Amino acid sequence: GLKNFIAERGVAMQNSLSANGVSCWAVGNNDLDEKLASFSIFPNPASHYIRFNAAMPVQNIRIYDVTGHLLLEFQPLTNEADISHLAAGLYIVEVNGMARRKLLKE
């Protein structure tokens, strides 16, 4: 049935419930969730450059200040970024519009 069709494609079903005889599932992609969870930034804190490690291709990086203003957006060609021009402080680094990590700039 539908449950097997979805499960065979690597999609996890959680919180199955039935309302008025209709079964409903919350679905998610466990593989994608695991890859996003493995995204890391180092060194942290950093002063000049950050490097990132991800189990999936990094297509887009965004850096926000703590008020949510977008400061920097780029498509990385390597696994590092120059942050020397940023003022010391706390930032949020976002990868592929999904995974977010805090970054302390010294």
Protein backbone atom coordinates (compact mmCIF):
# COMPACT_ATOMS: atom_id res chain seq x y z
CA GLY A 1 0.00 0.00 0.00
CA LEU A 2 0.91 3.65 0.31
CA LYS A 3 2.87 3.08 3.52
CA ASN A 4 5.21 0.57 1.82
CA PHE A 5 5.53 2.75 -1.29
CA ILE A 6 6.70 5.70 0.81
CA ALA A 7 8.98 3.61 3.05
CA GLU A 8 10.71 2.02 0.03
CA ARG A 9 11.79 5.46 -1.13
CA GLY A 10 13.69 6.29 2.07
CA VAL A 11 10.99 8.48 3.54
CA ALA A 12 10.17 8.00 7.19
CA MET A 13 6.62 8.03 8.44
CA GLN A 14 6.01 9.24 11.94
CA ASN A 15 3.02 9.86 14.17
CA SER A 16 0.50 7.73 12.32
CA LEU A 17 -3.02 8.57 13.39
CA SER A 18 -6.51 7.84 12.25
CA ALA A 19 -9.33 10.36 12.09
CA ASN A 20 -12.78 9.38 10.86
CA GLY A 21 -11.31 6.20 9.38
CA VAL A 22 -8.65 8.07 7.36
CA SER A 23 -5.02 7.31 8.20
CA CYS A 24 -2.60 10.24 8.20
CA TRP A 25 1.18 10.25 8.53
CA ALA A 26 3.78 12.94 9.01
CA VAL A 27 6.49 12.21 6.48
CA GLY A 28 10.12 13.26 6.35
CA ASN A 29 13.30 12.23 4.63
CA ASN A 30 15.54 10.60 7.26
CA ASP A 31 18.54 10.62 4.92
CA LEU A 32 18.25 14.37 4.35
CA ASP A 33 17.65 15.02 8.06
CA GLU A 34 20.81 13.10 8.96
CA LYS A 35 22.88 14.94 6.35
CA LEU A 36 21.67 18.31 7.58
CA ALA A 37 22.36 17.35 11.19
CA SER A 38 25.95 16.47 10.28
CA PHE A 39 26.70 20.00 8.96
CA SER A 40 29.44 21.62 11.06
CA ILE A 41 31.53 24.78 11.10
CA PHE A 42 35.07 25.02 12.42
CA PRO A 43 36.96 26.59 14.01
CA ASN A 44 34.28 28.06 16.20
CA PRO A 45 35.02 30.67 17.49
CA ALA A 46 36.84 31.94 14.40
CA SER A 47 38.62 35.12 13.40
CA HIS A 48 39.56 35.02 9.70
CA TYR A 49 38.21 31.91 7.97
CA ILE A 50 35.62 29.25 8.66
CA ARG A 51 35.56 25.81 7.17
CA PHE A 52 32.46 23.70 6.89
CA ASN A 53 31.88 20.01 6.73
CA ALA A 54 28.70 18.51 5.33
CA ALA A 55 27.49 15.07 4.25
CA MET A 56 25.64 16.66 1.34
CA PRO A 57 26.66 19.10 -1.40
CA VAL A 58 26.71 22.66 -0.05
CA GLN A 59 25.02 24.78 -2.68
CA ASN A 60 24.36 27.95 -0.70
CA ILE A 61 25.69 29.56 2.48
CA ARG A 62 24.05 32.52 4.20
CA ILE A 63 25.38 34.40 7.20
CA TYR A 64 22.95 36.41 9.34
CA ASP A 65 23.48 38.70 12.31
CA VAL A 66 21.57 37.95 15.52
CA THR A 67 18.71 40.25 14.48
CA GLY A 68 18.11 38.14 11.36
CA HIS A 69 19.60 40.52 8.78
CA LEU A 70 21.29 38.73 5.89
CA LEU A 71 24.91 39.89 5.75
CA LEU A 72 26.49 37.49 3.29
CA GLU A 73 25.25 34.94 0.77
CA PHE A 74 27.41 32.86 -1.53
CA GLN A 75 27.74 29.58 -3.38
CA PRO A 76 30.97 28.06 -2.07
CA LEU A 77 33.54 26.69 -4.47
CA THR A 78 35.55 25.21 -1.60
CA ASN A 79 34.80 24.23 1.97
CA GLU A 80 35.94 27.54 3.48
CA ALA A 81 34.82 31.15 3.67
CA ASP A 82 36.59 34.40 4.51
CA ILE A 83 34.88 36.08 7.47
CA SER A 84 37.69 38.54 8.31
CA HIS A 85 35.53 41.51 7.24
CA LEU A 86 32.79 40.69 9.79
CA ALA A 87 32.84 42.48 13.14
CA ALA A 88 33.36 40.43 16.28
CA GLY A 89 30.08 38.96 17.48
CA LEU A 90 27.56 36.17 17.18
CA TYR A 91 26.27 35.08 13.76
CA ILE A 92 24.01 32.42 12.31
CA VAL A 93 25.34 30.37 9.38
CA GLU A 94 22.74 28.66 7.21
CA VAL A 95 23.46 25.96 4.63
CA ASN A 96 21.15 25.17 1.71
CA GLY A 97 18.35 27.18 3.33
CA MET A 98 17.86 24.53 6.03
CA ALA A 99 20.57 23.72 8.55
CA ARG A 100 21.65 26.55 10.86
CA ARG A 101 24.63 26.82 13.19
CA LYS A 102 25.80 29.57 15.53
CA LEU A 103 29.19 31.11 14.81
CA LEU A 104 31.21 33.26 17.20
CA LYS A 105 33.49 35.70 15.36
CA GLU A 106 36.45 36.91 17.43
